[in-house]
N, C-alpha and C. Protein backbone atom coordinates (compact mmCIF):
# COMPACT_ATOMS: atom_id res chain seq x y z
N MET A 1 58.41 -89.49 50.98
CA MET A 1 57.27 -89.30 51.32
C MET A 1 56.22 -89.60 50.10
N TYR A 2 55.33 -90.41 50.48
CA TYR A 2 54.25 -91.15 49.70
C TYR A 2 53.58 -90.00 49.60
N ILE A 3 52.43 -89.95 48.59
CA ILE A 3 51.02 -89.32 48.12
C ILE A 3 50.71 -90.27 48.42
N MET A 4 48.84 -89.99 48.71
CA MET A 4 47.90 -91.10 48.69
C MET A 4 46.26 -90.30 48.10
N ARG A 5 45.98 -91.03 47.78
CA ARG A 5 44.35 -90.42 47.60
C ARG A 5 43.82 -90.23 48.99
N VAL A 6 42.62 -89.65 48.89
CA VAL A 6 42.01 -89.31 50.29
C VAL A 6 41.14 -89.86 50.78
N ASP A 7 40.47 -90.64 50.00
CA ASP A 7 39.31 -91.84 50.19
C ASP A 7 40.45 -93.10 50.74
N LYS A 8 41.43 -93.17 50.01
CA LYS A 8 42.49 -94.37 50.83
C LYS A 8 42.70 -94.19 52.23
N TYR A 9 43.03 -92.55 52.47
CA TYR A 9 44.16 -92.17 53.81
C TYR A 9 42.52 -92.54 54.75
N LEU A 10 42.28 -91.65 54.21
CA LEU A 10 41.21 -92.03 55.56
C LEU A 10 40.85 -93.61 56.10
N LYS A 11 40.20 -94.30 55.43
CA LYS A 11 40.63 -95.28 56.02
C LYS A 11 41.51 -96.54 56.47
N ILE A 12 42.77 -95.78 55.77
CA ILE A 12 43.86 -95.90 56.42
C ILE A 12 44.41 -95.56 57.76
N ALA A 13 43.96 -94.49 58.02
CA ALA A 13 44.03 -93.90 58.85
C ALA A 13 42.63 -94.10 60.16
N ARG A 14 41.78 -95.05 59.56
CA ARG A 14 40.47 -95.54 59.93
C ARG A 14 39.41 -94.53 60.55
N LEU A 15 40.15 -93.38 59.85
CA LEU A 15 39.19 -92.56 60.83
C LEU A 15 37.76 -92.25 59.96
N ILE A 16 37.00 -93.46 58.57
CA ILE A 16 36.34 -93.60 58.48
C ILE A 16 36.47 -95.28 58.00
N LYS A 17 35.73 -95.73 58.24
CA LYS A 17 35.84 -97.23 58.17
C LYS A 17 36.26 -98.11 56.60
N ARG A 18 35.47 -97.75 56.19
CA ARG A 18 35.19 -98.67 54.39
C ARG A 18 36.28 -97.13 53.53
N ARG A 19 37.08 -98.26 52.17
CA ARG A 19 36.69 -96.72 51.59
C ARG A 19 35.77 -96.76 50.92
N THR A 20 34.63 -97.04 50.40
CA THR A 20 33.89 -96.91 49.78
C THR A 20 32.40 -95.84 50.39
N VAL A 21 33.32 -95.80 51.56
CA VAL A 21 31.97 -94.67 52.95
C VAL A 21 32.55 -93.26 52.50
N ALA A 22 34.09 -94.02 52.28
CA ALA A 22 35.23 -92.41 52.40
C ALA A 22 34.93 -91.90 50.87
N HIS A 23 34.61 -92.69 50.16
CA HIS A 23 34.24 -92.49 48.35
C HIS A 23 33.54 -91.51 48.29
N ASP A 24 32.51 -92.53 49.18
CA ASP A 24 31.13 -91.23 49.20
C ASP A 24 30.64 -90.14 49.74
N ALA A 25 31.56 -90.17 51.23
CA ALA A 25 31.53 -89.10 51.54
C ALA A 25 32.05 -88.02 51.16
N CYS A 26 33.06 -88.58 50.24
CA CYS A 26 33.75 -87.72 49.20
C CYS A 26 32.98 -86.87 47.86
N GLU A 27 32.63 -87.44 47.08
CA GLU A 27 31.30 -86.95 46.38
C GLU A 27 30.01 -86.69 47.19
N GLU A 28 29.52 -86.91 48.02
CA GLU A 28 29.04 -85.72 48.68
C GLU A 28 29.43 -84.69 49.70
N SER A 29 29.94 -83.90 48.70
CA SER A 29 30.66 -82.74 49.49
C SER A 29 30.90 -82.73 51.13
N ARG A 30 31.68 -83.51 51.57
CA ARG A 30 31.81 -83.73 53.25
C ARG A 30 32.88 -84.05 53.49
N ILE A 31 34.02 -83.32 52.86
CA ILE A 31 35.05 -83.56 53.05
C ILE A 31 35.76 -82.33 52.12
N PHE A 32 37.03 -82.15 52.96
CA PHE A 32 37.47 -80.56 52.84
C PHE A 32 39.06 -81.44 53.52
N VAL A 33 40.12 -80.68 52.42
CA VAL A 33 41.60 -80.60 52.28
C VAL A 33 41.97 -79.17 51.87
N ASN A 34 42.38 -79.06 52.95
CA ASN A 34 43.20 -77.33 53.23
C ASN A 34 41.92 -76.56 52.91
N GLY A 35 40.99 -76.67 53.20
CA GLY A 35 39.41 -75.93 52.53
C GLY A 35 39.06 -75.64 51.92
N LYS A 36 39.41 -77.06 50.50
CA LYS A 36 38.71 -77.09 49.68
C LYS A 36 38.27 -78.74 49.65
N GLU A 37 36.66 -78.39 48.69
CA GLU A 37 36.04 -79.61 48.95
C GLU A 37 37.19 -80.66 48.37
N ALA A 38 36.55 -81.82 48.60
CA ALA A 38 37.66 -82.75 47.66
C ALA A 38 36.90 -83.95 47.38
N LYS A 39 37.64 -84.32 46.31
CA LYS A 39 37.42 -85.74 45.35
C LYS A 39 37.66 -86.52 45.99
N PRO A 40 37.31 -87.65 45.58
CA PRO A 40 37.70 -89.36 45.61
C PRO A 40 39.24 -89.25 46.05
N GLY A 41 39.75 -88.87 44.10
CA GLY A 41 40.85 -89.35 44.08
C GLY A 41 42.32 -87.95 44.58
N LYS A 42 41.94 -86.90 45.00
CA LYS A 42 42.53 -85.74 45.83
C LYS A 42 43.85 -86.42 46.55
N ASP A 43 44.97 -85.79 45.62
CA ASP A 43 46.56 -86.51 46.49
C ASP A 43 46.12 -85.47 47.68
N ILE A 44 46.67 -86.46 49.15
CA ILE A 44 47.29 -85.64 50.41
C ILE A 44 48.59 -86.27 50.71
N LYS A 45 49.30 -85.09 51.47
CA LYS A 45 50.69 -85.47 51.74
C LYS A 45 50.86 -84.63 53.30
N PRO A 46 51.67 -85.64 54.06
CA PRO A 46 51.76 -85.11 55.21
C PRO A 46 52.03 -82.99 55.29
N GLY A 47 51.43 -82.26 56.06
CA GLY A 47 50.73 -81.06 56.34
C GLY A 47 49.22 -80.67 56.05
N ASP A 48 48.62 -81.30 55.00
CA ASP A 48 48.01 -80.93 55.23
C ASP A 48 46.42 -81.51 55.86
N THR A 49 45.75 -80.90 55.85
CA THR A 49 44.62 -81.22 56.92
C THR A 49 43.61 -81.44 56.07
N ILE A 50 42.86 -82.13 56.67
CA ILE A 50 41.67 -82.63 56.36
C ILE A 50 40.26 -82.87 57.83
N LYS A 51 39.16 -82.11 57.13
CA LYS A 51 38.24 -81.72 58.02
C LYS A 51 36.73 -83.05 56.95
N ILE A 52 35.92 -83.07 58.27
CA ILE A 52 35.04 -84.59 57.88
C ILE A 52 33.98 -84.18 58.79
N VAL A 53 33.42 -83.73 58.01
CA VAL A 53 31.52 -83.62 58.10
C VAL A 53 30.99 -84.46 58.42
N PHE A 54 30.25 -84.80 59.41
CA PHE A 54 29.51 -85.99 60.04
C PHE A 54 27.98 -85.45 60.33
N GLY A 55 26.77 -84.73 59.09
CA GLY A 55 25.92 -84.56 60.03
C GLY A 55 25.80 -83.15 60.53
N SER A 56 25.65 -83.03 61.82
CA SER A 56 26.03 -81.08 62.47
C SER A 56 27.14 -81.18 63.07
N SER A 57 28.05 -82.30 63.17
CA SER A 57 29.51 -82.64 63.92
C SER A 57 30.81 -82.63 62.86
N GLU A 58 31.75 -81.74 62.72
CA GLU A 58 33.00 -82.11 61.95
C GLU A 58 33.88 -82.06 62.97
N MET A 59 35.31 -82.75 62.60
CA MET A 59 36.18 -82.97 62.91
C MET A 59 37.63 -82.92 61.58
N GLU A 60 38.53 -82.27 62.25
CA GLU A 60 39.41 -81.40 61.84
C GLU A 60 41.27 -82.30 61.87
N VAL A 61 41.43 -82.96 61.49
CA VAL A 61 43.21 -83.46 61.31
C VAL A 61 43.91 -82.54 60.58
N ARG A 62 45.19 -82.90 61.40
CA ARG A 62 46.25 -82.33 59.98
C ARG A 62 47.52 -84.03 59.99
N VAL A 63 46.85 -83.97 58.64
CA VAL A 63 48.32 -85.46 57.92
C VAL A 63 49.84 -85.31 58.66
N LEU A 64 49.76 -86.63 59.42
CA LEU A 64 51.54 -86.12 59.57
C LEU A 64 52.22 -87.19 58.92
N SER A 65 51.81 -88.54 58.82
CA SER A 65 52.45 -89.11 57.60
C SER A 65 51.19 -90.22 56.10
N THR A 66 51.91 -90.60 55.71
CA THR A 66 51.14 -90.82 54.56
C THR A 66 51.30 -93.01 53.78
N PRO A 67 51.64 -93.10 55.50
CA PRO A 67 51.99 -94.94 54.50
C PRO A 67 51.19 -95.87 53.73
N GLU A 68 51.70 -96.54 52.86
CA GLU A 68 51.15 -97.44 52.32
C GLU A 68 50.38 -98.48 53.03
N HIS A 69 50.07 -98.89 53.75
CA HIS A 69 49.75 -99.96 54.59
C HIS A 69 50.02 -99.16 56.31
N ALA A 70 48.57 -99.60 57.48
CA ALA A 70 49.17 -99.04 58.83
C ALA A 70 47.77 -100.23 59.60
N SER A 71 48.65 -100.85 60.89
CA SER A 71 47.91 -101.63 61.31
C SER A 71 46.91 -100.75 62.37
N LYS A 72 46.08 -101.40 62.97
CA LYS A 72 44.96 -100.78 63.91
C LYS A 72 45.39 -99.61 65.18
N GLU A 73 46.66 -101.00 65.53
CA GLU A 73 47.67 -99.75 66.68
C GLU A 73 48.34 -98.73 66.57
N ASP A 74 48.87 -98.06 64.99
CA ASP A 74 49.04 -97.65 64.18
C ASP A 74 48.71 -96.36 63.57
N ALA A 75 47.50 -97.01 63.70
CA ALA A 75 46.72 -95.70 62.69
C ALA A 75 46.21 -94.25 62.83
N ALA A 76 46.54 -94.75 64.82
CA ALA A 76 46.29 -92.68 65.12
C ALA A 76 47.16 -91.89 65.21
N SER A 77 48.60 -92.86 65.23
CA SER A 77 49.78 -91.92 64.53
C SER A 77 49.59 -91.30 63.28
N LEU A 78 48.92 -91.30 62.89
CA LEU A 78 48.66 -90.85 61.02
C LEU A 78 48.51 -89.34 60.73
N TYR A 79 47.89 -88.99 62.18
CA TYR A 79 47.31 -87.78 62.10
C TYR A 79 47.28 -86.79 63.77
N GLU A 80 47.25 -86.08 63.74
CA GLU A 80 46.91 -85.27 64.70
C GLU A 80 45.11 -84.51 64.95
N VAL A 81 44.71 -84.24 65.81
CA VAL A 81 43.41 -84.21 65.70
C VAL A 81 43.67 -82.19 66.14
N ILE A 82 42.81 -81.64 65.14
CA ILE A 82 42.71 -80.21 65.18
C ILE A 82 42.28 -79.25 65.80
N ASN A 83 40.55 -79.97 65.87
CA ASN A 83 39.34 -79.14 66.55
C ASN A 83 38.24 -80.37 66.49
């Protein structure tokens, strides 16, 4: 099992396009891991839940795997959408 920073995971899983944008979202309290506000360096692992707040909408996903790299085609298999 590979532990990964939340900002890097959001980029690799293509939930957010760029790591700098993911980093800023964490700094602006728009990313939550397991119900708690997450800083960019927060470690995540399979089984964790990530909630992303986009303006008035939000998305919650469960982490399925944390590979070092993922192709565009494989990115969607790294998580499952909860709501």
